[in-house]
Amino acid sequence: MSTSAAPTAGTPGGGQSTAPAGNPRGRVVLASLIGTSIEFYDFYIYATAASLVFPALFFPNAEDPTTQLLSSFAVFGVAFVARPVGSVLFGHFGDRIGRKATLVASLLTMGIATVLIGLIPAASTPGWALAAPAVLVLCRFCQGLGLGGEWSGAALLATENAPQGKRAIYGTFPQLGAPIGFILANTVFIALSTSLTPEQFAAWGWRIPFIASAILVIVGLWVRLSLLETPAFRKVLAAEAVSKVPVARVFRTSWKQIVSGTFIMLATYVLFYLMTTFTLNYGVAPTAPTDGSPAGLGYEKIDFLWMLIVGVVFFGVFTLVSGPLAEKFGRRKHLIWVTVAIILFGALFVPLFAAGDVGVQTLLILGFTLMGLTFGPMAAVLPELFPANVRYTGSGIAYNLSSVLGAAVAPFIAVWLWAKGDGSPVLVGVYLSAMAVITLVALILERETRDVDYDDNVGA
């Protein structure tokens, strides 16, 4: 551990007292926010298309609509398998050459893959029956690689530049990219769905959000290229503590933190993807299907997307609220109480879904409020578990391993449980509560990280 740090570094709850020269606070906030907004926009337009378009477009030969949907969600899950790979790949360079250049590369990877998805011919195109799903899987894998490297870099960009006592607050800005990206992606889909006929939307309209993401990527690159390296990584360089193989070092020295961080994030991931992909499918499914698929609530797709957007507004608001709460009460205590609330929330699936429009909207608002409260502090919590010379790799691996255990399988498991429950979401609520219990145990076993020696802990 370095002993020559500036006197204001490593103080409880934050980094240095002022932003480093050349990195004004406003630019740090914007750069950490805009990148994750773009990344999550790209990711969510796929999630929405996976629910609304891709089942019939890329899997027309499946036995029935349920099998088509499961096939689409299986490809959706490919990105989550890729995300730990991305965290190792980009974490290697983020811990060796720096946060800035690695964040630029992860953004390009995600952006190019997203644009290419918008160009894939449908499986019904002659000669593309097998190639179209295969190319979709490849692009989806590259999306996962990019997002696997994006999150931890954006989190470090914010927290390693944070003023004293505001690390959790600054950490909420990259997290805010999730609700912003969701609202932007679904607003675009709503606009297209209302301005195009169903035939036009299915034929070519769905491609527009994917191709248009190129504009957002260019803006994100312009902002990030104007940044200097973070002060914490500069200390790693000054101390000559750069790891030759960060992934090997982090598993040798911090494997317990990886396990802990993975399960701390589990309930967050399961909750989010149940509140988005599952509720969308359950909400728009017919109340009396004739094709053997499970019964749903029978909403029009546009109407339910607006209900989701209302819920996601609460997601964004409470993401920001979570930062000051995590600073005041500590990350661990704050997350323990939120996780207990998530356990109880799982028991509300059946009564609220059955209570008409008001009940459904209430469920979405409650779920996304809890999502903001649990997701917001994670950009501070996970990096605080690791020293600076393996922080990019370690926090990224924990975050993305949790995505495999939580988000990758959550939509698939939820649809299966929904079908097993004869159209009732009761088992889906039980599933959420069970995953939250695992997270609660991980939080109880982990130490408080608010006052860790963050900036000066460069690693051995």
Protein backbone atom coordinates (compact mmCIF):
# COMPACT_ATOMS: atom_id res chain seq x y z
CA MET A 1 0.00 0.00 0.00
CA SER A 2 1.29 3.44 -0.90
CA THR A 3 2.26 5.75 1.96
CA SER A 4 2.86 8.91 -0.06
CA ALA A 5 -0.71 9.90 -0.86
CA ALA A 6 -2.00 13.43 -0.60
CA PRO A 7 -3.37 14.19 2.86
CA THR A 8 -6.96 14.58 1.69
CA ALA A 9 -7.07 11.24 -0.11
CA GLY A 10 -8.55 8.14 1.39
CA THR A 11 -10.72 10.04 3.86
CA PRO A 12 -13.90 8.35 5.05
CA GLY A 13 -16.65 8.17 2.48
CA GLY A 14 -14.89 9.80 -0.42
CA GLY A 15 -11.88 10.57 -2.58
CA GLN A 16 -9.93 13.79 -2.87
CA SER A 17 -11.50 17.07 -1.87
CA THR A 18 -11.47 18.54 -5.36
CA ALA A 19 -11.61 17.16 -8.86
CA PRO A 20 -8.18 16.75 -10.46
CA ALA A 21 -6.85 19.39 -12.82
CA GLY A 22 -8.33 18.95 -16.28
CA ASN A 23 -11.29 16.91 -15.02
CA PRO A 24 -13.96 19.36 -13.85
CA ARG A 25 -16.69 17.73 -11.80
CA GLY A 26 -19.36 18.52 -14.37
CA ARG A 27 -17.40 16.73 -17.08
CA VAL A 28 -16.82 13.71 -14.83
CA VAL A 29 -20.53 13.46 -14.08
CA LEU A 30 -21.50 13.87 -17.75
CA ALA A 31 -18.92 11.38 -19.02
CA SER A 32 -19.93 8.71 -16.50
CA LEU A 33 -23.63 9.32 -17.13
CA ILE A 34 -23.70 9.58 -20.91
CA GLY A 35 -21.72 6.41 -21.52
CA THR A 36 -23.95 4.20 -19.40
CA SER A 37 -27.05 5.88 -20.81
CA ILE A 38 -25.92 4.92 -24.31
CA GLU A 39 -24.90 1.43 -23.25
CA PHE A 40 -28.19 0.77 -21.49
CA TYR A 41 -30.16 2.29 -24.37
CA ASP A 42 -28.49 -0.20 -26.69
CA PHE A 43 -29.15 -3.03 -24.27
CA TYR A 44 -32.80 -2.14 -23.69
CA ILE A 45 -33.76 -1.75 -27.32
CA TYR A 46 -32.67 -5.36 -27.66
CA ALA A 47 -34.68 -6.36 -24.58
CA THR A 48 -37.79 -4.65 -25.96
CA ALA A 49 -37.33 -6.13 -29.42
CA ALA A 50 -36.73 -9.55 -27.84
CA SER A 51 -40.21 -9.31 -26.34
CA LEU A 52 -42.10 -7.65 -29.19
CA VAL A 53 -40.41 -8.53 -32.51
CA PHE A 54 -37.60 -11.09 -32.42
CA PRO A 55 -39.61 -14.24 -31.50
CA ALA A 56 -41.42 -14.30 -34.85
CA LEU A 57 -38.69 -12.56 -36.84
CA PHE A 58 -35.74 -14.81 -36.04
CA PHE A 59 -37.44 -17.98 -34.76
CA PRO A 60 -40.41 -18.51 -37.11
CA ASN A 61 -39.96 -22.30 -37.16
CA ALA A 62 -40.39 -22.77 -33.41
CA GLU A 63 -43.21 -25.07 -32.33
CA ASP A 64 -45.44 -22.42 -30.73
CA PRO A 65 -45.37 -18.78 -29.52
CA THR A 66 -44.07 -19.77 -26.08
CA THR A 67 -41.13 -21.62 -27.64
CA GLN A 68 -40.46 -18.62 -29.89
CA LEU A 69 -40.40 -16.35 -26.86
CA LEU A 70 -38.14 -18.68 -24.89
CA SER A 71 -35.77 -18.89 -27.88
CA SER A 72 -35.65 -15.10 -28.06
CA PHE A 73 -34.93 -14.82 -24.34
CA ALA A 74 -32.25 -17.51 -24.62
CA VAL A 75 -30.40 -15.26 -27.09
CA PHE A 76 -31.11 -12.33 -24.77
CA GLY A 77 -29.22 -14.26 -22.10
CA VAL A 78 -26.16 -14.75 -24.33
CA ALA A 79 -25.05 -11.20 -23.57
CA PHE A 80 -25.03 -11.94 -19.86
CA VAL A 81 -22.75 -14.91 -20.44
CA ALA A 82 -20.48 -12.57 -22.41
CA ARG A 83 -20.45 -9.89 -19.75
CA PRO A 84 -18.01 -11.64 -17.35
CA VAL A 85 -15.75 -12.23 -20.35
CA GLY A 86 -15.99 -8.53 -21.14
CA SER A 87 -15.19 -7.62 -17.56
CA VAL A 88 -12.00 -9.72 -17.72
CA LEU A 89 -11.01 -8.44 -21.17
CA PHE A 90 -11.65 -4.75 -20.57
CA GLY A 91 -10.71 -5.01 -16.90
CA HIS A 92 -7.27 -6.24 -17.97
CA PHE A 93 -6.66 -3.10 -19.98
CA GLY A 94 -8.49 -0.83 -17.54
CA ASP A 95 -6.14 -1.92 -14.75
CA ARG A 96 -3.05 -1.88 -16.98
CA ILE A 97 -3.35 1.10 -19.33
CA GLY A 98 -6.06 3.14 -17.61
CA ARG A 99 -9.77 3.80 -17.32
CA LYS A 100 -10.17 6.35 -20.13
CA ALA A 101 -8.93 4.38 -23.14
CA THR A 102 -10.69 1.23 -21.99
CA LEU A 103 -14.03 3.03 -21.64
CA VAL A 104 -13.71 4.30 -25.20
CA ALA A 105 -13.07 0.76 -26.47
CA SER A 106 -16.03 -0.73 -24.57
CA LEU A 107 -18.36 1.92 -25.94
CA LEU A 108 -17.24 1.22 -29.51
CA THR A 109 -17.70 -2.54 -29.06
CA MET A 110 -21.24 -2.13 -27.80
CA GLY A 111 -22.16 0.49 -30.40
CA ILE A 112 -20.92 -1.41 -33.44
CA ALA A 113 -22.66 -4.62 -32.36
CA THR A 114 -25.94 -2.74 -31.83
CA VAL A 115 -25.87 -1.13 -35.28
CA LEU A 116 -25.17 -4.50 -36.88
CA ILE A 117 -28.23 -6.04 -35.18
CA GLY A 118 -30.32 -3.46 -37.01
CA LEU A 119 -28.95 -4.72 -40.32
CA ILE A 120 -29.50 -8.49 -39.90
CA PRO A 121 -31.99 -9.94 -42.43
CA ALA A 122 -35.01 -11.81 -41.05
CA ALA A 123 -34.83 -15.61 -40.84
CA SER A 124 -37.51 -15.78 -43.57
CA THR A 125 -35.06 -14.18 -46.05
CA PRO A 126 -33.83 -16.85 -48.52
CA GLY A 127 -30.51 -18.24 -47.33
CA TRP A 128 -30.79 -16.69 -43.86
CA ALA A 129 -32.89 -19.28 -42.03
CA LEU A 130 -29.90 -20.43 -39.95
CA ALA A 131 -27.54 -17.52 -40.51
CA ALA A 132 -29.86 -14.83 -39.12
CA PRO A 133 -30.18 -16.36 -35.63
CA ALA A 134 -26.44 -17.15 -35.62
CA VAL A 135 -25.44 -13.58 -36.49
CA LEU A 136 -27.91 -12.32 -33.89
CA VAL A 137 -26.22 -14.48 -31.25
CA LEU A 138 -22.77 -13.18 -32.27
CA CYS A 139 -23.85 -9.53 -32.13
CA ARG A 140 -25.60 -10.12 -28.83
CA PHE A 141 -22.39 -11.64 -27.46
CA CYS A 142 -20.46 -8.53 -28.53
CA GLN A 143 -23.08 -6.33 -26.86
CA GLY A 144 -22.42 -8.25 -23.67
CA LEU A 145 -18.65 -7.84 -24.05
CA GLY A 146 -19.03 -4.09 -24.35
CA LEU A 147 -21.39 -3.70 -21.42
CA GLY A 148 -19.21 -6.04 -19.34
CA GLY A 149 -16.37 -3.55 -19.67
CA GLU A 150 -18.49 -0.41 -19.56
CA TRP A 151 -20.07 -0.50 -16.13
CA SER A 152 -17.00 -0.88 -13.94
CA GLY A 153 -15.09 1.74 -15.93
CA ALA A 154 -17.92 4.26 -15.64
CA ALA A 155 -18.26 3.52 -11.93
CA LEU A 156 -14.54 4.12 -11.38
CA LEU A 157 -14.60 7.26 -13.49
CA ALA A 158 -17.20 8.68 -11.10
CA THR A 159 -16.02 7.34 -7.75
CA GLU A 160 -12.27 7.80 -8.29
CA ASN A 161 -12.95 11.47 -9.05
CA ALA A 162 -15.43 11.93 -6.19
CA PRO A 163 -15.05 14.76 -3.65
CA GLN A 164 -14.70 13.89 0.02
CA GLY A 165 -17.75 12.19 1.49
CA LYS A 166 -19.57 11.95 -1.84
CA ARG A 167 -18.37 8.70 -3.37
CA ALA A 168 -21.80 7.02 -3.19
CA ILE A 169 -23.45 10.19 -4.48
CA TYR A 170 -21.13 10.43 -7.49
CA GLY A 171 -21.57 6.70 -8.01
CA THR A 172 -25.28 7.19 -8.65
CA PHE A 173 -24.60 9.09 -11.89
CA PRO A 174 -23.44 6.11 -13.97
CA GLN A 175 -26.29 4.15 -12.38
CA LEU A 176 -28.73 6.81 -13.58
CA GLY A 177 -27.85 5.75 -17.11
CA ALA A 178 -30.02 2.66 -16.64
CA PRO A 179 -33.37 4.45 -16.25
CA ILE A 180 -32.42 7.11 -18.81
CA GLY A 181 -31.49 4.46 -21.36
CA PHE A 182 -34.68 2.52 -20.64
CA ILE A 183 -36.93 5.57 -21.06
CA LEU A 184 -35.16 6.66 -24.23
CA ALA A 185 -35.28 3.19 -25.80
CA ASN A 186 -38.93 2.56 -25.04
CA THR A 187 -40.01 6.07 -26.02
CA VAL A 188 -38.43 5.47 -29.42
CA PHE A 189 -40.28 2.14 -29.75
CA ILE A 190 -43.56 3.79 -28.78
CA ALA A 191 -43.07 6.55 -31.34
CA LEU A 192 -42.35 4.01 -34.06
CA SER A 193 -45.24 1.77 -33.08
CA THR A 194 -47.73 4.65 -33.20
CA SER A 195 -46.43 6.16 -36.45
CA LEU A 196 -46.04 2.92 -38.40
CA THR A 197 -48.43 0.12 -39.22
CA PRO A 198 -47.74 -3.23 -37.50
CA GLU A 199 -46.53 -4.57 -40.84
CA GLN A 200 -44.12 -1.67 -41.35
CA PHE A 201 -42.82 -1.93 -37.79
CA ALA A 202 -42.22 -5.68 -38.11
CA ALA A 203 -40.65 -5.33 -41.56
CA TRP A 204 -38.22 -2.47 -40.99
CA GLY A 205 -39.34 -0.02 -38.29
CA TRP A 206 -37.76 -1.99 -35.43
CA ARG A 207 -34.35 -1.50 -37.08
CA ILE A 208 -34.31 2.28 -36.67
CA PRO A 209 -33.46 2.39 -32.92
CA PHE A 210 -30.53 0.02 -33.46
CA ILE A 211 -29.03 1.93 -36.38
CA ALA A 212 -29.69 5.33 -34.78
CA SER A 213 -27.60 4.37 -31.77
CA ALA A 214 -24.54 5.24 -33.87
CA ILE A 215 -25.33 8.93 -33.29
CA LEU A 216 -25.37 8.45 -29.52
CA VAL A 217 -22.10 6.54 -29.59
CA ILE A 218 -20.36 9.39 -31.44
CA VAL A 219 -21.53 11.86 -28.78
CA GLY A 220 -20.34 9.55 -25.99
CA LEU A 221 -16.92 9.14 -27.57
CA TRP A 222 -16.51 12.91 -27.93
CA VAL A 223 -17.20 13.44 -24.22
CA ARG A 224 -14.95 10.65 -22.99
CA LEU A 225 -11.99 11.51 -25.20
CA SER A 226 -11.80 14.91 -23.48
CA LEU A 227 -11.04 13.37 -20.05
CA LEU A 228 -7.78 12.81 -18.22
CA GLU A 229 -6.96 9.63 -16.32
CA THR A 230 -8.44 9.18 -12.83
CA PRO A 231 -6.25 10.16 -9.84
CA ALA A 232 -6.46 6.68 -8.27
CA PHE A 233 -4.99 5.03 -11.36
CA ARG A 234 -2.30 7.71 -11.56
CA LYS A 235 -1.30 6.69 -8.02
CA VAL A 236 -1.09 3.07 -9.14
CA LEU A 237 1.31 4.16 -11.89
CA ALA A 238 3.32 6.31 -9.51
CA ALA A 239 3.64 3.43 -7.02
CA GLU A 240 4.63 1.04 -9.85
CA ALA A 241 1.83 -1.26 -8.65
CA VAL A 242 0.28 -2.05 -12.03
CA SER A 243 -0.69 -5.73 -12.21
CA LYS A 244 0.72 -7.68 -15.14
CA VAL A 245 -2.28 -10.01 -15.17
CA PRO A 246 -5.07 -8.34 -13.17
CA VAL A 247 -7.50 -11.25 -13.43
CA ALA A 248 -4.97 -13.65 -11.91
CA ARG A 249 -4.11 -11.24 -9.13
CA VAL A 250 -7.71 -10.43 -8.24
CA PHE A 251 -8.66 -14.11 -7.97
CA ARG A 252 -5.56 -14.80 -5.89
CA THR A 253 -5.95 -11.88 -3.49
CA SER A 254 -9.63 -10.90 -3.58
CA TRP A 255 -11.66 -13.98 -4.48
CA LYS A 256 -13.83 -13.62 -1.37
CA GLN A 257 -14.77 -10.10 -2.41
CA ILE A 258 -15.71 -11.36 -5.88
CA VAL A 259 -18.06 -13.94 -4.35
CA SER A 260 -19.51 -11.40 -1.94
CA GLY A 261 -20.03 -8.75 -4.62
CA THR A 262 -21.66 -11.26 -6.96
CA PHE A 263 -24.34 -12.19 -4.45
CA ILE A 264 -24.80 -8.62 -3.21
CA MET A 265 -25.91 -7.72 -6.75
CA LEU A 266 -28.11 -10.80 -7.27
CA ALA A 267 -31.46 -9.43 -6.05
CA THR A 268 -30.88 -6.19 -7.95
CA TYR A 269 -30.49 -8.00 -11.25
CA VAL A 270 -33.42 -10.37 -10.74
CA LEU A 271 -35.70 -7.53 -9.69
CA PHE A 272 -34.84 -5.33 -12.64
CA TYR A 273 -35.29 -7.92 -15.36
CA LEU A 274 -38.51 -9.20 -13.82
CA MET A 275 -39.84 -5.64 -13.69
CA THR A 276 -38.99 -5.02 -17.34
CA THR A 277 -38.97 -8.09 -19.58
CA PHE A 278 -41.29 -10.35 -17.56
CA THR A 279 -43.89 -7.73 -16.68
CA LEU A 280 -44.00 -6.59 -20.32
CA ASN A 281 -44.72 -10.11 -21.52
CA TYR A 282 -47.19 -10.83 -18.74
CA GLY A 283 -48.88 -7.48 -19.21
CA VAL A 284 -49.51 -7.76 -22.96
CA ALA A 285 -50.29 -11.50 -23.12
CA PRO A 286 -53.99 -12.23 -23.88
CA THR A 287 -56.24 -13.00 -20.94
CA ALA A 288 -57.63 -16.03 -22.77
CA PRO A 289 -54.96 -17.26 -25.24
CA THR A 290 -55.95 -19.84 -27.83
CA ASP A 291 -52.45 -21.00 -28.76
CA GLY A 292 -51.56 -22.79 -25.50
CA SER A 293 -49.44 -19.95 -24.10
CA PRO A 294 -50.01 -18.82 -20.48
CA ALA A 295 -52.64 -16.18 -19.79
CA GLY A 296 -51.67 -12.58 -19.11
CA LEU A 297 -53.31 -9.23 -18.40
CA GLY A 298 -54.31 -8.35 -21.99
CA TYR A 299 -52.92 -4.80 -22.17
CA GLU A 300 -52.07 -3.14 -25.47
CA LYS A 301 -48.31 -3.01 -25.89
CA ILE A 302 -48.18 0.78 -26.15
CA ASP A 303 -50.28 1.22 -23.03
CA PHE A 304 -48.12 -1.11 -20.97
CA LEU A 305 -44.89 0.49 -22.21
CA TRP A 306 -46.19 3.84 -20.92
CA MET A 307 -46.94 2.21 -17.57
CA LEU A 308 -43.38 0.89 -17.49
CA ILE A 309 -41.99 4.32 -18.30
CA VAL A 310 -43.94 5.83 -15.38
CA GLY A 311 -42.39 3.20 -13.12
CA VAL A 312 -38.90 3.85 -14.47
CA VAL A 313 -39.21 7.55 -13.61
CA PHE A 314 -39.35 6.40 -9.97
CA PHE A 315 -36.33 4.21 -10.70
CA GLY A 316 -34.35 7.29 -11.74
CA VAL A 317 -35.51 9.46 -8.86
CA PHE A 318 -34.72 6.88 -6.19
CA THR A 319 -31.38 6.05 -7.78
CA LEU A 320 -30.39 9.62 -6.96
CA VAL A 321 -31.99 9.42 -3.50
CA SER A 322 -30.00 6.29 -2.68
CA GLY A 323 -26.64 8.07 -2.83
CA PRO A 324 -27.17 10.41 0.14
CA LEU A 325 -28.84 7.59 2.08
CA ALA A 326 -25.87 5.28 1.52
CA GLU A 327 -23.50 8.05 2.64
CA LYS A 328 -25.52 8.85 5.79
CA PHE A 329 -26.36 5.34 7.00
CA GLY A 330 -23.61 3.33 5.31
CA ARG A 331 -23.85 1.12 2.23
CA ARG A 332 -24.44 -2.11 4.15
CA LYS A 333 -27.24 -0.94 6.45
CA HIS A 334 -29.03 0.85 3.58
CA LEU A 335 -28.90 -2.21 1.32
CA ILE A 336 -29.97 -4.63 4.05
CA TRP A 337 -33.22 -2.73 4.63
CA VAL A 338 -33.89 -2.37 0.91
CA THR A 339 -33.29 -6.09 0.38
CA VAL A 340 -35.74 -6.95 3.16
CA ALA A 341 -38.29 -4.78 1.34
CA ILE A 342 -37.60 -6.69 -1.91
CA ILE A 343 -38.28 -9.99 -0.11
CA LEU A 344 -41.65 -8.65 1.04
CA PHE A 345 -42.36 -7.17 -2.39
CA GLY A 346 -42.26 -10.65 -3.97
CA ALA A 347 -45.39 -11.52 -1.98
CA LEU A 348 -47.29 -8.64 -3.63
CA PHE A 349 -47.12 -9.95 -7.19
CA VAL A 350 -50.45 -11.76 -7.15
CA PRO A 351 -52.64 -9.23 -5.25
CA LEU A 352 -51.32 -6.20 -7.15
CA PHE A 353 -51.42 -7.78 -10.59
CA ALA A 354 -55.01 -8.79 -9.87
CA ALA A 355 -56.06 -5.30 -8.73
CA GLY A 356 -56.62 -3.73 -12.15
CA ASP A 357 -54.86 -0.69 -13.62
CA VAL A 358 -54.17 0.93 -10.25
CA GLY A 359 -52.73 -2.28 -8.81
CA VAL A 360 -50.49 -2.95 -11.81
CA GLN A 361 -49.16 0.60 -11.88
CA THR A 362 -48.60 0.47 -8.12
CA LEU A 363 -46.62 -2.75 -8.51
CA LEU A 364 -44.46 -1.18 -11.21
CA ILE A 365 -43.85 1.96 -9.13
CA LEU A 366 -42.97 -0.02 -6.01
CA GLY A 367 -40.71 -2.40 -7.92
CA PHE A 368 -38.80 0.35 -9.70
CA THR A 369 -38.53 2.42 -6.52
CA LEU A 370 -36.85 -0.53 -4.83
CA MET A 371 -34.73 -0.96 -7.93
CA GLY A 372 -33.41 2.59 -7.65
CA LEU A 373 -32.68 2.21 -3.94
CA THR A 374 -30.72 -1.03 -4.42
CA PHE A 375 -29.02 -0.22 -7.76
CA GLY A 376 -27.87 3.33 -6.94
CA PRO A 377 -25.17 2.50 -4.32
CA MET A 378 -23.66 -0.41 -6.30
CA ALA A 379 -21.22 1.79 -8.23
CA ALA A 380 -19.65 2.67 -4.87
CA VAL A 381 -20.09 -0.65 -3.04
CA LEU A 382 -18.50 -3.05 -5.52
CA PRO A 383 -15.38 -0.97 -6.36
CA GLU A 384 -14.82 -0.34 -2.63
CA LEU A 385 -14.22 -4.06 -2.16
CA PHE A 386 -11.01 -4.00 -4.25
CA PRO A 387 -7.61 -2.20 -4.34
CA ALA A 388 -7.07 0.23 -7.20
CA ASN A 389 -4.70 -1.96 -9.25
CA VAL A 390 -7.38 -4.66 -9.72
CA ARG A 391 -10.47 -2.53 -9.10
CA TYR A 392 -11.64 -2.38 -12.72
CA THR A 393 -11.31 -6.15 -13.09
CA GLY A 394 -12.62 -7.15 -9.67
CA SER A 395 -15.71 -4.94 -9.58
CA GLY A 396 -16.51 -5.80 -13.19
CA ILE A 397 -16.26 -9.55 -12.62
CA ALA A 398 -18.50 -9.42 -9.53
CA TYR A 399 -21.05 -7.20 -11.27
CA ASN A 400 -21.18 -9.35 -14.39
CA LEU A 401 -21.06 -12.76 -12.73
CA SER A 402 -24.16 -11.60 -10.91
CA SER A 403 -25.69 -10.76 -14.28
CA VAL A 404 -25.31 -14.41 -15.30
CA LEU A 405 -26.88 -15.72 -12.09
CA GLY A 406 -29.56 -13.05 -12.00
CA ALA A 407 -30.39 -11.23 -15.20
CA ALA A 408 -29.41 -13.83 -17.81
CA VAL A 409 -31.78 -16.49 -16.51
CA ALA A 410 -34.41 -14.32 -14.84
CA PRO A 411 -36.65 -13.75 -17.90
CA PHE A 412 -36.33 -17.39 -18.95
CA ILE A 413 -37.10 -18.72 -15.46
CA ALA A 414 -39.95 -16.25 -15.05
CA VAL A 415 -41.65 -17.32 -18.28
CA TRP A 416 -41.26 -20.98 -17.29
CA LEU A 417 -42.68 -20.35 -13.81
CA TRP A 418 -45.49 -18.30 -15.32
CA ALA A 419 -46.41 -21.22 -17.57
CA LYS A 420 -46.12 -23.69 -14.68
CA GLY A 421 -48.42 -21.50 -12.61
CA ASP A 422 -51.18 -21.67 -15.23
CA GLY A 423 -50.94 -17.96 -15.91
CA SER A 424 -50.46 -16.88 -12.29
CA PRO A 425 -47.33 -14.87 -11.35
CA VAL A 426 -47.24 -16.32 -7.82
CA LEU A 427 -44.17 -18.48 -8.48
CA VAL A 428 -42.39 -15.54 -10.09
CA GLY A 429 -42.83 -13.55 -6.88
CA VAL A 430 -41.51 -16.48 -4.83
CA TYR A 431 -38.48 -16.65 -7.12
CA LEU A 432 -37.72 -12.95 -6.55
CA SER A 433 -38.03 -13.29 -2.78
CA ALA A 434 -35.75 -16.34 -2.74
CA MET A 435 -33.02 -14.53 -4.67
CA ALA A 436 -33.32 -11.55 -2.34
CA VAL A 437 -32.79 -13.84 0.67
CA ILE A 438 -29.45 -14.89 -0.84
CA THR A 439 -28.47 -11.24 -1.26
CA LEU A 440 -29.50 -10.49 2.32
CA VAL A 441 -27.17 -13.22 3.63
CA ALA A 442 -24.29 -11.83 1.53
CA LEU A 443 -24.87 -8.33 2.91
CA ILE A 444 -25.00 -9.54 6.51
CA LEU A 445 -21.68 -11.35 6.06
CA GLU A 446 -19.93 -8.40 4.33
CA ARG A 447 -18.28 -5.48 6.13
CA GLU A 448 -19.24 -1.82 5.75
CA THR A 449 -17.20 -0.20 2.93
CA ARG A 450 -18.06 3.49 3.34
CA ASP A 451 -14.86 4.30 5.21
CA VAL A 452 -12.38 2.12 3.31
CA ASP A 453 -9.00 3.49 2.27
CA TYR A 454 -10.11 3.98 -1.33
CA ASP A 455 -7.67 6.31 -3.10
CA ASP A 456 -4.50 5.24 -1.31
CA ASN A 457 -5.10 1.49 -1.53
CA VAL A 458 -3.20 0.93 -4.77
CA GLY A 459 -2.65 -2.78 -4.11
CA ALA A 460 0.46 -4.83 -3.75
